[in-house]
Amino acid sequence: MPSSQHVRALQALSFMDLTTLNNDDTRKVIEDLCQRAAINEISVAAVCVFPEWVAIASQCLHEQGLDTKVATVTNFPDGSTNVARAAAETERAIAAGANEVDVVLPYRALLQGDESTPAELVRECKDICGDSVQLKVIIESGELEQHDKIVLASELAIANGADFIKTSTGKVSVNATLKAAEAMLGVIKASKTDCGFKAAGGIRTLEDAIQYIELAEQLMGKEWVTADNFRIGASSLLQDIQDVLIKA
């Protein structure tokens, strides 16, 4: 019988958005990432890359016979207030074949008291995504810092069509935290919607991932915690999962 750690490792793998979002990414980096997208016939939930690499990632995954989704980022990482830019980037990403779009909420505008621009940006991007492409809204919880701001950003994103709310870009000093995750999951629960949750940034070990999985199970119920509702954005986490599975 597999150990509990082995079970958790496979579970974490299935929830992962395997990510590379580095300015020096190359075709080889993307192809190598896609080659690692499945272990023991269990695939990650998605591969997340910059928009210019979406087509290459899609092709590579298809050649392996994987139906793994391809995610990308828009309005990233700055969270600009330029709604037209975010909309255009989202359109191009979908045209390139993205199944999921992670857009950065204009969190600085929200901190300055502007709720209308972030709401408009999410709404515009979701209108472009429609029902066929999932929109994950990155609220940048580490920059929002305060509980009430994290709650407000989460509520605003959900109210304007977010399919997921996501903690972080991974490009700031404070990224995913359990405290922020608890606040965001609480908003999802109170909303009574189908919105999902994604923890991203700084989740490097299986033990890190398990803490977020267990938190979601406690707050939302074990049956809720599936790849349809729960994701972990990470890159180095995969190596720790591989090490656990090899030892099993």
C-alpha atoms as a PDB file:
ATOM      1  CA  MET A   1       0.000   0.000   0.000  1.00  0.00           C
ATOM      2  CA  PRO A   2       1.417   3.440  -0.914  1.00  0.00           C
ATOM      3  CA  SER A   3       2.510   5.623   1.994  1.00  0.00           C
ATOM      4  CA  SER A   4       0.539   8.737   2.861  1.00  0.00           C
ATOM      5  CA  GLN A   5       3.444  10.839   1.584  1.00  0.00           C
ATOM      6  CA  HIS A   6       3.376   8.955  -1.727  1.00  0.00           C
ATOM      7  CA  VAL A   7      -0.374   9.599  -2.046  1.00  0.00           C
ATOM      8  CA  ARG A   8       0.099  13.288  -1.246  1.00  0.00           C
ATOM      9  CA  ALA A   9       2.931  13.518  -3.789  1.00  0.00           C
ATOM     10  CA  LEU A  10       0.731  12.184  -6.585  1.00  0.00           C
ATOM     11  CA  GLN A  11      -2.078  14.454  -5.449  1.00  0.00           C
ATOM     12  CA  ALA A  12       0.171  17.530  -5.451  1.00  0.00           C
ATOM     13  CA  LEU A  13       1.457  16.571  -8.894  1.00  0.00           C
ATOM     14  CA  SER A  14      -2.074  16.463 -10.283  1.00  0.00           C
ATOM     15  CA  PHE A  15      -2.802  19.929  -8.866  1.00  0.00           C
ATOM     16  CA  MET A  16       0.352  21.563 -10.208  1.00  0.00           C
ATOM     17  CA  ASP A  17       0.601  24.311 -12.795  1.00  0.00           C
ATOM     18  CA  LEU A  18       4.179  23.503 -13.793  1.00  0.00           C
ATOM     19  CA  THR A  19       5.625  26.926 -14.443  1.00  0.00           C
ATOM     20  CA  THR A  20       8.483  28.757 -16.089  1.00  0.00           C
ATOM     21  CA  LEU A  21       8.110  32.520 -16.393  1.00  0.00           C
ATOM     22  CA  ASN A  22      11.661  33.728 -16.849  1.00  0.00           C
ATOM     23  CA  ASN A  23      12.713  36.401 -19.319  1.00  0.00           C
ATOM     24  CA  ASP A  24      15.507  34.154 -20.589  1.00  0.00           C
ATOM     25  CA  ASP A  25      13.238  31.179 -21.362  1.00  0.00           C
ATOM     26  CA  THR A  26      14.086  29.457 -24.644  1.00  0.00           C
ATOM     27  CA  ARG A  27      12.414  26.863 -26.815  1.00  0.00           C
ATOM     28  CA  LYS A  28      14.588  24.192 -25.190  1.00  0.00           C
ATOM     29  CA  VAL A  29      13.533  25.323 -21.701  1.00  0.00           C
ATOM     30  CA  ILE A  30       9.874  25.046 -22.700  1.00  0.00           C
ATOM     31  CA  GLU A  31      10.325  21.655 -24.364  1.00  0.00           C
ATOM     32  CA  ASP A  32      12.244  20.320 -21.362  1.00  0.00           C
ATOM     33  CA  LEU A  33       9.505  21.567 -19.046  1.00  0.00           C
ATOM     34  CA  CYS A  34       6.832  19.828 -21.088  1.00  0.00           C
ATOM     35  CA  GLN A  35       8.850  16.607 -21.107  1.00  0.00           C
ATOM     36  CA  ARG A  36       8.573  16.610 -17.298  1.00  0.00           C
ATOM     37  CA  ALA A  37       4.809  17.216 -17.231  1.00  0.00           C
ATOM     38  CA  ALA A  38       3.880  13.627 -16.342  1.00  0.00           C
ATOM     39  CA  ILE A  39       5.216  11.070 -13.864  1.00  0.00           C
ATOM     40  CA  ASN A  40       3.927   7.477 -13.782  1.00  0.00           C
ATOM     41  CA  GLU A  41       1.108   8.466 -16.151  1.00  0.00           C
ATOM     42  CA  ILE A  42      -0.053  11.198 -13.758  1.00  0.00           C
ATOM     43  CA  SER A  43       0.082  14.584 -15.471  1.00  0.00           C
ATOM     44  CA  VAL A  44       0.310  18.024 -13.954  1.00  0.00           C
ATOM     45  CA  ALA A  45      -2.883  20.066 -14.311  1.00  0.00           C
ATOM     46  CA  ALA A  46      -1.278  22.617 -16.609  1.00  0.00           C
ATOM     47  CA  VAL A  47       1.984  23.958 -17.950  1.00  0.00           C
ATOM     48  CA  CYS A  48       2.259  27.732 -17.473  1.00  0.00           C
ATOM     49  CA  VAL A  49       4.506  29.730 -19.811  1.00  0.00           C
ATOM     50  CA  PHE A  50       4.758  33.208 -21.300  1.00  0.00           C
ATOM     51  CA  PRO A  51       2.341  33.870 -24.216  1.00  0.00           C
ATOM     52  CA  GLU A  52       5.066  33.603 -26.865  1.00  0.00           C
ATOM     53  CA  TRP A  53       5.686  29.995 -25.821  1.00  0.00           C
ATOM     54  CA  VAL A  54       2.068  28.791 -25.716  1.00  0.00           C
ATOM     55  CA  ALA A  55       2.077  27.275 -29.215  1.00  0.00           C
ATOM     56  CA  ILE A  56       5.374  25.441 -28.597  1.00  0.00           C
ATOM     57  CA  ALA A  57       4.117  24.067 -25.268  1.00  0.00           C
ATOM     58  CA  SER A  58       0.846  22.927 -26.858  1.00  0.00           C
ATOM     59  CA  GLN A  59       2.705  21.148 -29.635  1.00  0.00           C
ATOM     60  CA  CYS A  60       5.140  19.459 -27.260  1.00  0.00           C
ATOM     61  CA  LEU A  61       2.384  18.199 -24.949  1.00  0.00           C
ATOM     62  CA  HIS A  62       0.336  16.963 -27.917  1.00  0.00           C
ATOM     63  CA  GLU A  63       3.331  15.031 -29.273  1.00  0.00           C
ATOM     64  CA  GLN A  64       3.569  13.246 -25.924  1.00  0.00           C
ATOM     65  CA  GLY A  65      -0.100  12.317 -26.078  1.00  0.00           C
ATOM     66  CA  LEU A  66      -0.930  14.468 -23.057  1.00  0.00           C
ATOM     67  CA  ASP A  67      -4.117  16.490 -22.715  1.00  0.00           C
ATOM     68  CA  THR A  68      -2.435  18.733 -20.137  1.00  0.00           C
ATOM     69  CA  LYS A  69      -3.707  22.299 -20.324  1.00  0.00           C
ATOM     70  CA  VAL A  70      -1.529  25.216 -21.326  1.00  0.00           C
ATOM     71  CA  ALA A  71      -1.783  28.309 -19.153  1.00  0.00           C
ATOM     72  CA  THR A  72      -0.226  31.709 -19.693  1.00  0.00           C
ATOM     73  CA  VAL A  73      -0.049  35.139 -18.066  1.00  0.00           C
ATOM     74  CA  THR A  74      -1.282  38.582 -19.093  1.00  0.00           C
ATOM     75  CA  ASN A  75      -0.902  42.053 -17.598  1.00  0.00           C
ATOM     76  CA  PHE A  76       2.104  40.401 -15.985  1.00  0.00           C
ATOM     77  CA  PRO A  77       3.760  40.950 -13.611  1.00  0.00           C
ATOM     78  CA  ASP A  78       3.054  44.626 -12.984  1.00  0.00           C
ATOM     79  CA  GLY A  79      -0.741  44.624 -12.855  1.00  0.00           C
ATOM     80  CA  SER A  80      -1.110  47.665 -15.089  1.00  0.00           C
ATOM     81  CA  THR A  81      -4.335  49.697 -15.136  1.00  0.00           C
ATOM     82  CA  ASN A  82      -4.298  49.592 -18.951  1.00  0.00           C
ATOM     83  CA  VAL A  83      -7.452  47.591 -19.591  1.00  0.00           C
ATOM     84  CA  ALA A  84      -6.989  47.655 -23.366  1.00  0.00           C
ATOM     85  CA  ARG A  85      -3.489  46.182 -23.006  1.00  0.00           C
ATOM     86  CA  ALA A  86      -4.688  43.369 -20.757  1.00  0.00           C
ATOM     87  CA  ALA A  87      -7.568  42.614 -23.111  1.00  0.00           C
ATOM     88  CA  ALA A  88      -5.315  42.565 -26.168  1.00  0.00           C
ATOM     89  CA  GLU A  89      -2.774  40.303 -24.462  1.00  0.00           C
ATOM     90  CA  THR A  90      -5.565  37.961 -23.433  1.00  0.00           C
ATOM     91  CA  GLU A  91      -6.923  37.825 -26.983  1.00  0.00           C
ATOM     92  CA  ARG A  92      -3.480  37.014 -28.382  1.00  0.00           C
ATOM     93  CA  ALA A  93      -2.884  34.339 -25.757  1.00  0.00           C
ATOM     94  CA  ILE A  94      -6.144  32.595 -26.593  1.00  0.00           C
ATOM     95  CA  ALA A  95      -5.418  32.848 -30.326  1.00  0.00           C
ATOM     96  CA  ALA A  96      -2.071  31.116 -29.649  1.00  0.00           C
ATOM     97  CA  GLY A  97      -3.920  28.219 -28.016  1.00  0.00           C
ATOM     98  CA  ALA A  98      -3.944  28.986 -24.286  1.00  0.00           C
ATOM     99  CA  ASN A  99      -6.536  27.035 -22.304  1.00  0.00           C
ATOM    100  CA  GLU A 100      -6.132  29.198 -19.205  1.00  0.00           C
ATOM    101  CA  VAL A 101      -5.126  32.826 -18.675  1.00  0.00           C
ATOM    102  CA  ASP A 102      -3.668  34.134 -15.407  1.00  0.00           C
ATOM    103  CA  VAL A 103      -4.214  37.905 -15.428  1.00  0.00           C
ATOM    104  CA  VAL A 104      -2.775  40.266 -12.830  1.00  0.00           C
ATOM    105  CA  LEU A 105      -5.335  42.440 -11.070  1.00  0.00           C
ATOM    106  CA  PRO A 106      -4.336  46.140 -10.931  1.00  0.00           C
ATOM    107  CA  TYR A 107      -3.630  45.744  -7.236  1.00  0.00           C
ATOM    108  CA  ARG A 108      -1.853  49.088  -6.842  1.00  0.00           C
ATOM    109  CA  ALA A 109      -4.943  50.851  -8.126  1.00  0.00           C
ATOM    110  CA  LEU A 110      -7.005  48.937  -5.591  1.00  0.00           C
ATOM    111  CA  LEU A 111      -4.660  50.023  -2.809  1.00  0.00           C
ATOM    112  CA  GLN A 112      -5.255  53.628  -3.895  1.00  0.00           C
ATOM    113  CA  GLY A 113      -9.006  53.201  -3.577  1.00  0.00           C
ATOM    114  CA  ASP A 114      -9.811  52.530  -7.234  1.00  0.00           C
ATOM    115  CA  GLU A 115     -12.141  49.540  -7.430  1.00  0.00           C
ATOM    116  CA  SER A 116     -13.659  50.306 -10.827  1.00  0.00           C
ATOM    117  CA  THR A 117     -10.519  49.790 -12.949  1.00  0.00           C
ATOM    118  CA  PRO A 118      -9.682  46.364 -11.496  1.00  0.00           C
ATOM    119  CA  ALA A 119     -13.332  45.335 -11.871  1.00  0.00           C
ATOM    120  CA  GLU A 120     -13.416  46.486 -15.491  1.00  0.00           C
ATOM    121  CA  LEU A 121     -10.174  44.717 -16.336  1.00  0.00           C
ATOM    122  CA  VAL A 122     -11.335  41.384 -14.926  1.00  0.00           C
ATOM    123  CA  ARG A 123     -14.717  41.739 -16.616  1.00  0.00           C
ATOM    124  CA  GLU A 124     -13.182  42.571 -20.012  1.00  0.00           C
ATOM    125  CA  CYS A 125     -10.750  39.670 -19.849  1.00  0.00           C
ATOM    126  CA  LYS A 126     -13.459  37.226 -18.807  1.00  0.00           C
ATOM    127  CA  ASP A 127     -15.677  38.386 -21.665  1.00  0.00           C
ATOM    128  CA  ILE A 128     -12.810  37.534 -24.028  1.00  0.00           C
ATOM    129  CA  CYS A 129     -12.203  34.160 -22.366  1.00  0.00           C
ATOM    130  CA  GLY A 130     -15.874  33.229 -22.433  1.00  0.00           C
ATOM    131  CA  ASP A 131     -16.760  29.760 -21.218  1.00  0.00           C
ATOM    132  CA  SER A 132     -14.034  27.923 -23.110  1.00  0.00           C
ATOM    133  CA  VAL A 133     -10.958  29.500 -21.459  1.00  0.00           C
ATOM    134  CA  GLN A 134     -10.499  29.738 -17.704  1.00  0.00           C
ATOM    135  CA  LEU A 135      -9.518  33.084 -16.224  1.00  0.00           C
ATOM    136  CA  LYS A 136      -7.358  33.043 -13.112  1.00  0.00           C
ATOM    137  CA  VAL A 137      -7.018  36.434 -11.435  1.00  0.00           C
ATOM    138  CA  ILE A 138      -3.764  37.103  -9.581  1.00  0.00           C
ATOM    139  CA  ILE A 139      -4.485  39.455  -6.695  1.00  0.00           C
ATOM    140  CA  GLU A 140      -0.834  39.740  -5.501  1.00  0.00           C
ATOM    141  CA  SER A 141      -1.746  39.101  -1.878  1.00  0.00           C
ATOM    142  CA  GLY A 142       1.766  39.814  -0.580  1.00  0.00           C
ATOM    143  CA  GLU A 143       1.566  43.381  -1.860  1.00  0.00           C
ATOM    144  CA  LEU A 144      -1.996  43.888  -0.621  1.00  0.00           C
ATOM    145  CA  GLU A 145      -0.764  42.668   2.796  1.00  0.00           C
ATOM    146  CA  GLN A 146      -3.833  43.535   4.884  1.00  0.00           C
ATOM    147  CA  HIS A 147      -6.590  40.988   5.375  1.00  0.00           C
ATOM    148  CA  ASP A 148      -9.357  43.375   4.341  1.00  0.00           C
ATOM    149  CA  LYS A 149      -7.539  44.264   1.098  1.00  0.00           C
ATOM    150  CA  ILE A 150      -7.004  40.594   0.252  1.00  0.00           C
ATOM    151  CA  VAL A 151     -10.686  39.948   0.897  1.00  0.00           C
ATOM    152  CA  LEU A 152     -11.732  42.967  -1.190  1.00  0.00           C
ATOM    153  CA  ALA A 153      -9.548  41.953  -4.134  1.00  0.00           C
ATOM    154  CA  SER A 154     -10.863  38.385  -3.969  1.00  0.00           C
ATOM    155  CA  GLU A 155     -14.489  39.529  -3.813  1.00  0.00           C
ATOM    156  CA  LEU A 156     -13.999  41.947  -6.686  1.00  0.00           C
ATOM    157  CA  ALA A 157     -12.337  39.306  -8.879  1.00  0.00           C
ATOM    158  CA  ILE A 158     -15.071  36.741  -8.233  1.00  0.00           C
ATOM    159  CA  ALA A 159     -17.877  39.258  -8.748  1.00  0.00           C
ATOM    160  CA  ASN A 160     -16.494  40.142 -12.180  1.00  0.00           C
ATOM    161  CA  GLY A 161     -16.070  36.625 -13.509  1.00  0.00           C
ATOM    162  CA  ALA A 162     -12.868  35.067 -12.192  1.00  0.00           C
ATOM    163  CA  ASP A 163     -12.823  31.285 -12.555  1.00  0.00           C
ATOM    164  CA  PHE A 164      -9.926  31.128 -10.069  1.00  0.00           C
ATOM    165  CA  ILE A 165      -8.307  33.577  -7.707  1.00  0.00           C
ATOM    166  CA  LYS A 166      -4.542  33.240  -7.377  1.00  0.00           C
ATOM    167  CA  THR A 167      -2.268  34.492  -4.634  1.00  0.00           C
ATOM    168  CA  SER A 168       0.769  35.797  -6.442  1.00  0.00           C
ATOM    169  CA  THR A 169       2.907  36.363  -9.514  1.00  0.00           C
ATOM    170  CA  GLY A 170       5.961  34.896  -7.808  1.00  0.00           C
ATOM    171  CA  LYS A 171       7.785  38.092  -8.758  1.00  0.00           C
ATOM    172  CA  VAL A 172       7.470  40.062  -5.499  1.00  0.00           C
ATOM    173  CA  SER A 173       9.113  39.739  -2.097  1.00  0.00           C
ATOM    174  CA  VAL A 174       6.126  38.072  -0.389  1.00  0.00           C
ATOM    175  CA  ASN A 175       4.207  35.543  -2.433  1.00  0.00           C
ATOM    176  CA  ALA A 176       1.872  32.749  -1.291  1.00  0.00           C
ATOM    177  CA  THR A 177       1.199  32.529   2.445  1.00  0.00           C
ATOM    178  CA  LEU A 178      -1.171  30.294   4.359  1.00  0.00           C
ATOM    179  CA  LYS A 179      -2.740  33.364   5.947  1.00  0.00           C
ATOM    180  CA  ALA A 180      -3.611  34.861   2.562  1.00  0.00           C
ATOM    181  CA  ALA A 181      -4.803  31.481   1.298  1.00  0.00           C
ATOM    182  CA  GLU A 182      -7.147  31.160   4.271  1.00  0.00           C
ATOM    183  CA  ALA A 183      -8.639  34.590   3.576  1.00  0.00           C
ATOM    184  CA  MET A 184      -9.093  33.860  -0.134  1.00  0.00           C
ATOM    185  CA  LEU A 185     -10.644  30.445   0.430  1.00  0.00           C
ATOM    186  CA  GLY A 186     -13.002  32.039   2.935  1.00  0.00           C
ATOM    187  CA  VAL A 187     -14.188  34.482   0.267  1.00  0.00           C
ATOM    188  CA  ILE A 188     -14.721  31.644  -2.208  1.00  0.00           C
ATOM    189  CA  LYS A 189     -16.759  29.717   0.339  1.00  0.00           C
ATOM    190  CA  ALA A 190     -18.872  32.742   1.213  1.00  0.00           C
ATOM    191  CA  SER A 191     -19.449  33.536  -2.483  1.00  0.00           C
ATOM    192  CA  LYS A 192     -21.172  30.189  -3.095  1.00  0.00           C
ATOM    193  CA  THR A 193     -19.718  30.234  -6.626  1.00  0.00           C
ATOM    194  CA  ASP A 194     -17.639  27.720  -8.570  1.00  0.00           C
ATOM    195  CA  CYS A 195     -14.501  29.871  -8.281  1.00  0.00           C
ATOM    196  CA  GLY A 196     -11.294  27.944  -7.680  1.00  0.00           C
ATOM    197  CA  PHE A 197      -8.103  28.817  -5.792  1.00  0.00           C
ATOM    198  CA  LYS A 198      -4.449  28.802  -6.852  1.00  0.00           C
ATOM    199  CA  ALA A 199      -1.496  29.204  -4.514  1.00  0.00           C
ATOM    200  CA  ALA A 200       1.644  30.349  -6.309  1.00  0.00           C
ATOM    201  CA  GLY A 201       5.053  31.666  -5.415  1.00  0.00           C
ATOM    202  CA  GLY A 202       7.532  30.152  -2.991  1.00  0.00           C
ATOM    203  CA  ILE A 203       5.990  26.669  -2.792  1.00  0.00           C
ATOM    204  CA  ARG A 204       9.110  24.577  -3.253  1.00  0.00           C
ATOM    205  CA  THR A 205       8.659  21.351  -1.294  1.00  0.00           C
ATOM    206  CA  LEU A 206       6.024  18.676  -0.957  1.00  0.00           C
ATOM    207  CA  GLU A 207       5.633  19.683   2.685  1.00  0.00           C
ATOM    208  CA  ASP A 208       4.850  23.242   1.560  1.00  0.00           C
ATOM    209  CA  ALA A 209       2.252  21.946  -0.895  1.00  0.00           C
ATOM    210  CA  ILE A 210       0.643  19.642   1.670  1.00  0.00           C
ATOM    211  CA  GLN A 211       0.010  22.598   3.983  1.00  0.00           C
ATOM    212  CA  TYR A 212      -2.056  24.321   1.298  1.00  0.00           C
ATOM    213  CA  ILE A 213      -3.869  21.120   0.345  1.00  0.00           C
ATOM    214  CA  GLU A 214      -4.776  20.421   3.978  1.00  0.00           C
ATOM    215  CA  LEU A 215      -5.928  24.010   4.519  1.00  0.00           C
ATOM    216  CA  ALA A 216      -8.235  23.763   1.508  1.00  0.00           C
ATOM    217  CA  GLU A 217      -9.559  20.401   2.694  1.00  0.00           C
ATOM    218  CA  GLN A 218     -10.312  21.836   6.131  1.00  0.00           C
ATOM    219  CA  LEU A 219     -12.088  24.920   4.817  1.00  0.00           C
ATOM    220  CA  MET A 220     -13.771  23.600   1.675  1.00  0.00           C
ATOM    221  CA  GLY A 221     -14.061  19.837   2.235  1.00  0.00           C
ATOM    222  CA  LYS A 222     -11.928  17.061   0.773  1.00  0.00           C
ATOM    223  CA  GLU A 223     -14.313  16.523  -2.143  1.00  0.00           C
ATOM    224  CA  TRP A 224     -13.748  20.122  -3.282  1.00  0.00           C
ATOM    225  CA  VAL A 225      -9.985  19.773  -3.554  1.00  0.00           C
ATOM    226  CA  THR A 226      -9.555  18.607  -7.133  1.00  0.00           C
ATOM    227  CA  ALA A 227      -7.647  20.081 -10.061  1.00  0.00           C
ATOM    228  CA  ASP A 228     -10.906  21.670 -11.232  1.00  0.00           C
ATOM    229  CA  ASN A 229     -10.937  23.832  -8.100  1.00  0.00           C
ATOM    230  CA  PHE A 230      -7.442  23.849  -6.648  1.00  0.00           C
ATOM    231  CA  ARG A 231      -4.022  24.516  -8.157  1.00  0.00           C
ATOM    232  CA  ILE A 232      -0.461  25.029  -7.038  1.00  0.00           C
ATOM    233  CA  GLY A 233       1.755  27.156  -9.236  1.00  0.00           C
ATOM    234  CA  ALA A 234       5.348  25.978  -8.946  1.00  0.00           C
ATOM    235  CA  SER A 235       8.508  24.924 -10.708  1.00  0.00           C
ATOM    236  CA  SER A 236      11.035  23.562  -8.206  1.00  0.00           C
ATOM    237  CA  LEU A 237       8.274  21.638  -6.364  1.00  0.00           C
ATOM    238  CA  LEU A 238       8.339  19.030  -9.123  1.00  0.00           C
ATOM    239  CA  GLN A 239      11.839  17.868  -8.179  1.00  0.00           C
ATOM    240  CA  ASP A 240      10.827  17.274  -4.566  1.00  0.00           C
ATOM    241  CA  ILE A 241       7.782  15.293  -5.712  1.00  0.00           C
ATOM    242  CA  GLN A 242       9.968  13.203  -8.018  1.00  0.00           C
ATOM    243  CA  ASP A 243      12.372  12.477  -5.175  1.00  0.00           C
ATOM    244  CA  VAL A 244       9.502  11.301  -2.939  1.00  0.00           C
ATOM    245  CA  LEU A 245       8.045   9.051  -5.637  1.00  0.00           C
ATOM    246  CA  ILE A 246      11.431   7.524  -6.485  1.00  0.00           C
ATOM    247  CA  LYS A 247      11.984   6.605  -2.838  1.00  0.00           C
ATOM    248  CA  ALA A 248       8.507   5.092  -2.500  1.00  0.00           C
END
